Amino acid sequence: MERIEQTESLASPAPGPAAQAALLTALRQVVAATEDMGTRFAEEARRMHYGEVEARSIRGQASTREAVELLEEGIEVLPLPMLAVLKETLQ
């Protein structure tokens, strides 16, 4: 096993400007194409999964525990970083 010198960093390098711009563009597209459920996300995801309401694209907040419970129920969720800049206008 190769020894890592203390001067070497284990962290990944920060993404460059092009990668940051691509992430911001993708996140803005997600925000524009989904309905914000806020803290009701887990509840609404379950209602859609069990056919109580029509399926649609939603986003919102869920605790780690809620996200794990959704996954255990077979409900697909994807955590995304939501940056403060996304609260600005989408133009």
C-alpha atoms as a PDB file:
ATOM      1  CA  MET A   1       0.000   0.000   0.000  1.00  0.00           C
ATOM      2  CA  GLU A   2       1.360   3.381  -0.965  1.00  0.00           C
ATOM      3  CA  ARG A   3       1.720   5.874   1.847  1.00  0.00           C
ATOM      4  CA  ILE A   4       0.025   9.230   1.367  1.00  0.00           C
ATOM      5  CA  GLU A   5       2.198  12.118   2.421  1.00  0.00           C
ATOM      6  CA  GLN A   6       0.643  14.598   4.819  1.00  0.00           C
ATOM      7  CA  THR A   7       1.120  17.363   2.273  1.00  0.00           C
ATOM      8  CA  GLU A   8      -1.135  15.587  -0.222  1.00  0.00           C
ATOM      9  CA  SER A   9      -4.799  16.476  -0.092  1.00  0.00           C
ATOM     10  CA  LEU A  10      -7.478  13.792  -0.019  1.00  0.00           C
ATOM     11  CA  ALA A  11     -10.147  16.263  -1.145  1.00  0.00           C
ATOM     12  CA  SER A  12     -11.174  16.494  -4.773  1.00  0.00           C
ATOM     13  CA  PRO A  13     -10.149  19.608  -6.638  1.00  0.00           C
ATOM     14  CA  ALA A  14     -12.831  22.272  -6.936  1.00  0.00           C
ATOM     15  CA  PRO A  15     -14.762  22.096 -10.207  1.00  0.00           C
ATOM     16  CA  GLY A  16     -13.751  24.610 -12.833  1.00  0.00           C
ATOM     17  CA  PRO A  17     -15.946  27.466 -14.061  1.00  0.00           C
ATOM     18  CA  ALA A  18     -17.409  25.430 -16.938  1.00  0.00           C
ATOM     19  CA  ALA A  19     -18.480  22.608 -14.591  1.00  0.00           C
ATOM     20  CA  GLN A  20     -19.953  25.109 -12.138  1.00  0.00           C
ATOM     21  CA  ALA A  21     -21.905  26.804 -14.925  1.00  0.00           C
ATOM     22  CA  ALA A  22     -23.208  23.447 -16.179  1.00  0.00           C
ATOM     23  CA  LEU A  23     -24.350  22.471 -12.668  1.00  0.00           C
ATOM     24  CA  LEU A  24     -26.089  25.808 -12.191  1.00  0.00           C
ATOM     25  CA  THR A  25     -27.837  25.464 -15.558  1.00  0.00           C
ATOM     26  CA  ALA A  26     -28.994  21.927 -14.738  1.00  0.00           C
ATOM     27  CA  LEU A  27     -30.278  22.943 -11.302  1.00  0.00           C
ATOM     28  CA  ARG A  28     -32.159  25.898 -12.778  1.00  0.00           C
ATOM     29  CA  GLN A  29     -33.799  23.546 -15.293  1.00  0.00           C
ATOM     30  CA  VAL A  30     -34.875  21.240 -12.458  1.00  0.00           C
ATOM     31  CA  VAL A  31     -36.335  24.192 -10.537  1.00  0.00           C
ATOM     32  CA  ALA A  32     -38.191  25.439 -13.618  1.00  0.00           C
ATOM     33  CA  ALA A  33     -39.625  22.000 -14.476  1.00  0.00           C
ATOM     34  CA  THR A  34     -40.760  20.894 -11.011  1.00  0.00           C
ATOM     35  CA  GLU A  35     -43.326  21.908  -8.435  1.00  0.00           C
ATOM     36  CA  ASP A  36     -41.959  22.908  -5.023  1.00  0.00           C
ATOM     37  CA  MET A  37     -43.542  20.901  -2.215  1.00  0.00           C
ATOM     38  CA  GLY A  38     -41.350  22.391   0.493  1.00  0.00           C
ATOM     39  CA  THR A  39     -41.410  20.295   3.656  1.00  0.00           C
ATOM     40  CA  ARG A  40     -44.390  18.307   2.314  1.00  0.00           C
ATOM     41  CA  PHE A  41     -42.114  16.567  -0.216  1.00  0.00           C
ATOM     42  CA  ALA A  42     -42.069  13.113   1.421  1.00  0.00           C
ATOM     43  CA  GLU A  43     -45.832  13.127   1.949  1.00  0.00           C
ATOM     44  CA  GLU A  44     -46.555  14.137  -1.655  1.00  0.00           C
ATOM     45  CA  ALA A  45     -44.034  11.632  -3.055  1.00  0.00           C
ATOM     46  CA  ARG A  46     -45.849   8.865  -1.167  1.00  0.00           C
ATOM     47  CA  ARG A  47     -49.259  10.036  -2.387  1.00  0.00           C
ATOM     48  CA  MET A  48     -48.018   9.878  -5.985  1.00  0.00           C
ATOM     49  CA  HIS A  49     -46.304   6.521  -5.486  1.00  0.00           C
ATOM     50  CA  TYR A  50     -49.447   4.925  -4.076  1.00  0.00           C
ATOM     51  CA  GLY A  51     -51.701   6.406  -6.776  1.00  0.00           C
ATOM     52  CA  GLU A  52     -53.597   8.831  -4.546  1.00  0.00           C
ATOM     53  CA  VAL A  53     -52.693  11.759  -6.813  1.00  0.00           C
ATOM     54  CA  GLU A  54     -51.432  12.011 -10.379  1.00  0.00           C
ATOM     55  CA  ALA A  55     -47.677  11.633 -10.768  1.00  0.00           C
ATOM     56  CA  ARG A  56     -45.755  14.786 -11.628  1.00  0.00           C
ATOM     57  CA  SER A  57     -42.276  16.205 -11.161  1.00  0.00           C
ATOM     58  CA  ILE A  58     -41.808  17.609  -7.670  1.00  0.00           C
ATOM     59  CA  ARG A  59     -39.014  18.868  -5.460  1.00  0.00           C
ATOM     60  CA  GLY A  60     -38.772  19.852  -1.827  1.00  0.00           C
ATOM     61  CA  GLN A  61     -37.017  19.227   1.450  1.00  0.00           C
ATOM     62  CA  ALA A  62     -36.733  15.914   3.249  1.00  0.00           C
ATOM     63  CA  SER A  63     -34.614  14.869   6.172  1.00  0.00           C
ATOM     64  CA  THR A  64     -32.075  12.112   5.695  1.00  0.00           C
ATOM     65  CA  ARG A  65     -34.389   9.790   7.595  1.00  0.00           C
ATOM     66  CA  GLU A  66     -37.358  10.657   5.367  1.00  0.00           C
ATOM     67  CA  ALA A  67     -35.275  10.119   2.225  1.00  0.00           C
ATOM     68  CA  VAL A  68     -34.099   6.705   3.445  1.00  0.00           C
ATOM     69  CA  GLU A  69     -37.681   5.709   4.312  1.00  0.00           C
ATOM     70  CA  LEU A  70     -38.859   6.752   0.836  1.00  0.00           C
ATOM     71  CA  LEU A  71     -36.120   4.667  -0.767  1.00  0.00           C
ATOM     72  CA  GLU A  72     -37.025   1.677   1.417  1.00  0.00           C
ATOM     73  CA  GLU A  73     -40.619   1.987   0.167  1.00  0.00           C
ATOM     74  CA  GLY A  74     -39.377   1.870  -3.430  1.00  0.00           C
ATOM     75  CA  ILE A  75     -39.894   5.582  -4.043  1.00  0.00           C
ATOM     76  CA  GLU A  76     -37.014   6.983  -6.051  1.00  0.00           C
ATOM     77  CA  VAL A  77     -35.568  10.237  -4.748  1.00  0.00           C
ATOM     78  CA  LEU A  78     -32.458  12.129  -5.713  1.00  0.00           C
ATOM     79  CA  PRO A  79     -30.802  14.578  -3.343  1.00  0.00           C
ATOM     80  CA  LEU A  80     -29.685  17.741  -5.101  1.00  0.00           C
ATOM     81  CA  PRO A  81     -27.732  20.700  -3.789  1.00  0.00           C
ATOM     82  CA  MET A  82     -29.919  23.770  -3.825  1.00  0.00           C
ATOM     83  CA  LEU A  83     -27.822  26.874  -4.046  1.00  0.00           C
ATOM     84  CA  ALA A  84     -28.987  30.277  -2.844  1.00  0.00           C
ATOM     85  CA  VAL A  85     -28.444  31.671  -6.348  1.00  0.00           C
ATOM     86  CA  LEU A  86     -31.320  29.481  -7.579  1.00  0.00           C
ATOM     87  CA  LYS A  87     -33.753  31.615  -5.595  1.00  0.00           C
ATOM     88  CA  GLU A  88     -33.056  34.404  -8.055  1.00  0.00           C
ATOM     89  CA  THR A  89     -35.025  34.786 -11.286  1.00  0.00           C
ATOM     90  CA  LEU A  90     -34.491  32.042 -13.845  1.00  0.00           C
ATOM     91  CA  GLN A  91     -33.593  34.326 -16.763  1.00  0.00           C
END
